[in-house]
Amino acid sequence: MSVLTFNKDNFSQEVLESDKPVLVDFWASWCGPCKMLAPILDEVASEAQTAKIGKINVDEEPELARQFRVMSIPTMILFKDGQAVKTSVGVKPKNEILSMLD
């Protein structure tokens, strides 16, 4: 599966109502570490069969970033059953991201 794009219009359906865990990457186009994380998330998305991987651009969706208290980017939040259950700030290696999904 490829990395999805979430926004205020599809967030509730794609993330909060998802029947599988969803890892959301809060990012921005000007953020160097976010650019470093992007290819890692692409790999994770292609390997993760039991979870969805998606991104939210904090410049385009500031209200979602505020709602989940995103202060630094990249911030990854794992949602299960509509609840934020794990948060990770900064670039992480692929194995750490995959272990977040377990």
N, C-alpha and C. Protein backbone atom coordinates (compact mmCIF):
# COMPACT_ATOMS: atom_id res chain seq x y z
N MET A 1 0.84 -1.18 0.00
CA MET A 1 0.00 0.00 0.00
C MET A 1 0.89 1.25 0.00
N SER A 2 0.44 2.28 -0.63
CA SER A 2 1.24 3.51 -0.67
C SER A 2 0.85 4.42 0.49
N VAL A 3 1.66 5.45 0.69
CA VAL A 3 1.39 6.43 1.73
C VAL A 3 0.19 7.28 1.30
N LEU A 4 -0.77 7.39 2.20
CA LEU A 4 -2.00 8.13 1.91
C LEU A 4 -1.85 9.59 2.36
N THR A 5 -2.73 10.45 1.87
CA THR A 5 -2.75 11.84 2.30
C THR A 5 -4.05 12.07 3.06
N PHE A 6 -3.91 12.56 4.28
CA PHE A 6 -5.09 12.84 5.10
C PHE A 6 -5.27 14.35 5.21
N ASN A 7 -6.54 14.76 5.32
CA ASN A 7 -6.87 16.17 5.54
C ASN A 7 -8.15 16.23 6.37
N LYS A 8 -8.62 17.43 6.64
CA LYS A 8 -9.80 17.55 7.51
C LYS A 8 -11.03 16.88 6.91
N ASP A 9 -11.07 16.76 5.58
CA ASP A 9 -12.23 16.17 4.93
C ASP A 9 -12.28 14.65 5.05
N ASN A 10 -11.11 13.99 5.08
CA ASN A 10 -11.13 12.52 5.12
C ASN A 10 -10.56 11.95 6.42
N PHE A 11 -10.11 12.80 7.34
CA PHE A 11 -9.44 12.33 8.55
C PHE A 11 -10.33 11.41 9.40
N SER A 12 -11.54 11.83 9.62
CA SER A 12 -12.44 11.03 10.47
C SER A 12 -12.67 9.64 9.87
N GLN A 13 -13.00 9.60 8.59
CA GLN A 13 -13.27 8.31 7.94
C GLN A 13 -12.01 7.45 7.82
N GLU A 14 -10.91 8.04 7.36
CA GLU A 14 -9.70 7.27 7.07
C GLU A 14 -8.91 6.88 8.32
N VAL A 15 -8.96 7.72 9.35
CA VAL A 15 -8.12 7.49 10.54
C VAL A 15 -8.97 7.05 11.73
N LEU A 16 -9.89 7.90 12.16
CA LEU A 16 -10.64 7.62 13.39
C LEU A 16 -11.59 6.43 13.25
N GLU A 17 -12.14 6.22 12.06
CA GLU A 17 -13.08 5.11 11.85
C GLU A 17 -12.43 3.90 11.20
N SER A 18 -11.12 3.91 11.05
CA SER A 18 -10.42 2.80 10.38
C SER A 18 -10.49 1.53 11.21
N ASP A 19 -10.64 0.40 10.52
CA ASP A 19 -10.66 -0.88 11.23
C ASP A 19 -9.25 -1.43 11.44
N LYS A 20 -8.23 -0.76 10.89
CA LYS A 20 -6.84 -1.15 11.15
C LYS A 20 -6.10 0.04 11.74
N PRO A 21 -4.98 -0.23 12.39
CA PRO A 21 -4.18 0.88 12.93
C PRO A 21 -3.73 1.81 11.81
N VAL A 22 -3.60 3.09 12.15
CA VAL A 22 -3.19 4.10 11.17
C VAL A 22 -2.03 4.91 11.76
N LEU A 23 -0.91 4.94 11.05
CA LEU A 23 0.22 5.76 11.44
C LEU A 23 0.16 7.05 10.63
N VAL A 24 0.06 8.18 11.34
CA VAL A 24 -0.06 9.48 10.69
C VAL A 24 1.24 10.27 10.91
N ASP A 25 1.82 10.72 9.81
CA ASP A 25 3.02 11.55 9.85
C ASP A 25 2.61 13.00 9.65
N PHE A 26 2.85 13.84 10.66
CA PHE A 26 2.63 15.28 10.55
C PHE A 26 3.92 15.88 10.02
N TRP A 27 3.87 16.58 8.89
CA TRP A 27 5.07 17.02 8.20
C TRP A 27 4.82 18.37 7.52
N ALA A 28 5.88 18.93 6.93
CA ALA A 28 5.78 20.14 6.11
C ALA A 28 6.82 20.05 4.98
N SER A 29 6.52 20.69 3.87
CA SER A 29 7.40 20.60 2.69
C SER A 29 8.76 21.26 2.91
N TRP A 30 8.84 22.22 3.82
CA TRP A 30 10.10 22.94 4.08
C TRP A 30 10.97 22.27 5.13
N CYS A 31 10.50 21.17 5.71
CA CYS A 31 11.15 20.52 6.85
C CYS A 31 12.17 19.47 6.35
N GLY A 32 13.46 19.70 6.61
CA GLY A 32 14.50 18.77 6.19
C GLY A 32 14.34 17.37 6.76
N PRO A 33 14.16 17.24 8.09
CA PRO A 33 13.96 15.90 8.65
C PRO A 33 12.73 15.19 8.08
N CYS A 34 11.68 15.96 7.75
CA CYS A 34 10.48 15.36 7.15
C CYS A 34 10.83 14.74 5.80
N LYS A 35 11.68 15.43 5.04
CA LYS A 35 12.10 14.90 3.73
C LYS A 35 12.93 13.64 3.90
N MET A 36 13.73 13.58 5.00
CA MET A 36 14.51 12.37 5.27
C MET A 36 13.61 11.20 5.65
N LEU A 37 12.51 11.49 6.33
CA LEU A 37 11.59 10.45 6.79
C LEU A 37 10.73 9.89 5.65
N ALA A 38 10.44 10.70 4.64
CA ALA A 38 9.51 10.31 3.58
C ALA A 38 9.85 8.97 2.91
N PRO A 39 11.10 8.74 2.45
CA PRO A 39 11.36 7.44 1.81
C PRO A 39 11.27 6.26 2.78
N ILE A 40 11.55 6.51 4.05
CA ILE A 40 11.42 5.44 5.06
C ILE A 40 9.95 5.06 5.19
N LEU A 41 9.08 6.08 5.25
CA LEU A 41 7.64 5.80 5.36
C LEU A 41 7.11 5.10 4.11
N ASP A 42 7.67 5.45 2.93
CA ASP A 42 7.27 4.75 1.71
C ASP A 42 7.57 3.25 1.82
N GLU A 43 8.75 2.92 2.36
CA GLU A 43 9.12 1.51 2.55
C GLU A 43 8.19 0.84 3.56
N VAL A 44 7.94 1.53 4.67
CA VAL A 44 7.06 0.97 5.70
C VAL A 44 5.67 0.72 5.12
N ALA A 45 5.16 1.67 4.35
CA ALA A 45 3.82 1.53 3.77
C ALA A 45 3.75 0.33 2.82
N SER A 46 4.84 0.07 2.09
CA SER A 46 4.82 -1.06 1.16
C SER A 46 4.91 -2.40 1.89
N GLU A 47 5.47 -2.39 3.11
CA GLU A 47 5.64 -3.63 3.87
C GLU A 47 4.52 -3.89 4.88
N ALA A 48 3.92 -2.84 5.39
CA ALA A 48 2.94 -2.97 6.48
C ALA A 48 1.60 -3.42 5.90
N GLN A 49 1.25 -4.65 6.16
CA GLN A 49 -0.01 -5.19 5.66
C GLN A 49 -1.17 -4.94 6.62
N THR A 50 -0.84 -4.74 7.90
CA THR A 50 -1.90 -4.66 8.91
C THR A 50 -2.18 -3.23 9.36
N ALA A 51 -1.56 -2.24 8.70
CA ALA A 51 -1.77 -0.85 9.10
C ALA A 51 -1.77 0.05 7.88
N LYS A 52 -2.41 1.22 8.05
CA LYS A 52 -2.37 2.25 7.01
C LYS A 52 -1.34 3.29 7.42
N ILE A 53 -0.65 3.85 6.44
CA ILE A 53 0.35 4.89 6.67
C ILE A 53 -0.10 6.12 5.88
N GLY A 54 -0.11 7.27 6.55
CA GLY A 54 -0.53 8.48 5.86
C GLY A 54 0.14 9.71 6.41
N LYS A 55 -0.05 10.82 5.70
CA LYS A 55 0.61 12.08 6.06
C LYS A 55 -0.42 13.20 6.17
N ILE A 56 -0.10 14.15 7.03
CA ILE A 56 -0.86 15.39 7.13
C ILE A 56 0.13 16.53 7.04
N ASN A 57 -0.06 17.41 6.06
CA ASN A 57 0.78 18.59 5.91
C ASN A 57 0.30 19.63 6.93
N VAL A 58 1.17 19.98 7.89
CA VAL A 58 0.75 20.89 8.98
C VAL A 58 0.48 22.30 8.48
N ASP A 59 1.07 22.69 7.35
CA ASP A 59 0.79 24.02 6.79
C ASP A 59 -0.60 24.08 6.17
N GLU A 60 -1.05 22.96 5.61
CA GLU A 60 -2.36 22.91 4.98
C GLU A 60 -3.47 22.55 5.97
N GLU A 61 -3.12 21.86 7.06
CA GLU A 61 -4.11 21.40 8.04
C GLU A 61 -3.68 21.78 9.46
N PRO A 62 -3.52 23.09 9.74
CA PRO A 62 -3.04 23.49 11.07
C PRO A 62 -3.99 23.09 12.20
N GLU A 63 -5.29 23.01 11.91
CA GLU A 63 -6.23 22.65 12.98
C GLU A 63 -6.05 21.19 13.41
N LEU A 64 -5.72 20.30 12.50
CA LEU A 64 -5.45 18.91 12.89
C LEU A 64 -4.16 18.83 13.69
N ALA A 65 -3.15 19.59 13.30
CA ALA A 65 -1.90 19.60 14.06
C ALA A 65 -2.15 20.11 15.48
N ARG A 66 -2.94 21.16 15.60
CA ARG A 66 -3.27 21.69 16.95
C ARG A 66 -4.08 20.69 17.76
N GLN A 67 -5.03 20.06 17.12
CA GLN A 67 -5.90 19.10 17.81
C GLN A 67 -5.09 17.99 18.48
N PHE A 68 -4.00 17.58 17.82
CA PHE A 68 -3.18 16.49 18.36
C PHE A 68 -1.88 16.99 18.98
N ARG A 69 -1.84 18.29 19.27
CA ARG A 69 -0.73 18.94 19.99
C ARG A 69 0.63 18.68 19.35
N VAL A 70 0.66 18.76 18.04
CA VAL A 70 1.93 18.60 17.32
C VAL A 70 2.72 19.90 17.45
N MET A 71 3.85 19.82 18.14
CA MET A 71 4.69 20.99 18.37
C MET A 71 5.95 20.98 17.52
N SER A 72 6.42 19.80 17.16
CA SER A 72 7.63 19.63 16.35
C SER A 72 7.30 18.68 15.21
N ILE A 73 7.99 18.85 14.10
CA ILE A 73 7.79 17.93 13.00
C ILE A 73 9.14 17.39 12.56
N PRO A 74 9.19 16.17 12.07
CA PRO A 74 8.06 15.27 11.90
C PRO A 74 7.60 14.65 13.22
N THR A 75 6.30 14.54 13.36
CA THR A 75 5.69 13.81 14.48
C THR A 75 4.82 12.71 13.89
N MET A 76 5.03 11.49 14.35
CA MET A 76 4.19 10.37 13.93
C MET A 76 3.30 9.97 15.10
N ILE A 77 2.01 9.81 14.81
CA ILE A 77 1.06 9.37 15.83
C ILE A 77 0.36 8.12 15.31
N LEU A 78 0.35 7.08 16.14
CA LEU A 78 -0.34 5.84 15.79
C LEU A 78 -1.73 5.87 16.40
N PHE A 79 -2.72 5.66 15.55
CA PHE A 79 -4.12 5.61 15.99
C PHE A 79 -4.62 4.18 15.92
N LYS A 80 -5.28 3.74 16.99
CA LYS A 80 -5.96 2.44 17.01
C LYS A 80 -7.35 2.67 17.56
N ASP A 81 -8.35 2.15 16.87
CA ASP A 81 -9.74 2.28 17.29
C ASP A 81 -10.11 3.74 17.57
N GLY A 82 -9.62 4.63 16.73
CA GLY A 82 -9.96 6.04 16.85
C GLY A 82 -9.23 6.82 17.92
N GLN A 83 -8.27 6.17 18.58
CA GLN A 83 -7.53 6.83 19.66
C GLN A 83 -6.05 6.91 19.32
N ALA A 84 -5.43 8.03 19.68
CA ALA A 84 -3.99 8.17 19.53
C ALA A 84 -3.34 7.35 20.64
N VAL A 85 -2.55 6.33 20.27
CA VAL A 85 -1.98 5.43 21.28
C VAL A 85 -0.47 5.54 21.42
N LYS A 86 0.23 6.01 20.37
CA LYS A 86 1.69 6.16 20.44
C LYS A 86 2.08 7.39 19.65
N THR A 87 3.10 8.10 20.16
CA THR A 87 3.62 9.27 19.47
C THR A 87 5.13 9.17 19.40
N SER A 88 5.68 9.57 18.26
CA SER A 88 7.12 9.57 18.06
C SER A 88 7.49 10.87 17.34
N VAL A 89 8.49 11.57 17.87
CA VAL A 89 8.93 12.84 17.28
C VAL A 89 10.32 12.65 16.69
N GLY A 90 10.51 13.15 15.46
CA GLY A 90 11.80 13.08 14.81
C GLY A 90 11.89 11.92 13.84
N VAL A 91 13.00 11.89 13.12
CA VAL A 91 13.24 10.82 12.14
C VAL A 91 13.61 9.55 12.90
N LYS A 92 12.98 8.46 12.53
CA LYS A 92 13.26 7.17 13.15
C LYS A 92 13.63 6.17 12.05
N PRO A 93 14.46 5.18 12.38
CA PRO A 93 14.76 4.15 11.39
C PRO A 93 13.54 3.25 11.13
N LYS A 94 13.57 2.60 9.99
CA LYS A 94 12.44 1.78 9.57
C LYS A 94 12.06 0.74 10.62
N ASN A 95 13.04 0.08 11.24
CA ASN A 95 12.71 -0.98 12.21
C ASN A 95 11.96 -0.41 13.41
N GLU A 96 12.28 0.82 13.83
CA GLU A 96 11.56 1.42 14.96
C GLU A 96 10.12 1.74 14.57
N ILE A 97 9.94 2.22 13.35
CA ILE A 97 8.58 2.55 12.90
C ILE A 97 7.75 1.27 12.78
N LEU A 98 8.36 0.22 12.22
CA LEU A 98 7.63 -1.06 12.11
C LEU A 98 7.28 -1.60 13.49
N SER A 99 8.17 -1.45 14.47
CA SER A 99 7.88 -1.95 15.82
C SER A 99 6.77 -1.12 16.48
N MET A 100 6.63 0.14 16.10
CA MET A 100 5.52 0.95 16.60
C MET A 100 4.18 0.36 16.18
N LEU A 101 4.16 -0.26 15.01
CA LEU A 101 2.91 -0.78 14.45
C LEU A 101 2.48 -2.09 15.11
N ASP A 102 3.40 -2.77 15.80
CA ASP A 102 3.09 -4.07 16.43
C ASP A 102 2.32 -3.89 17.72
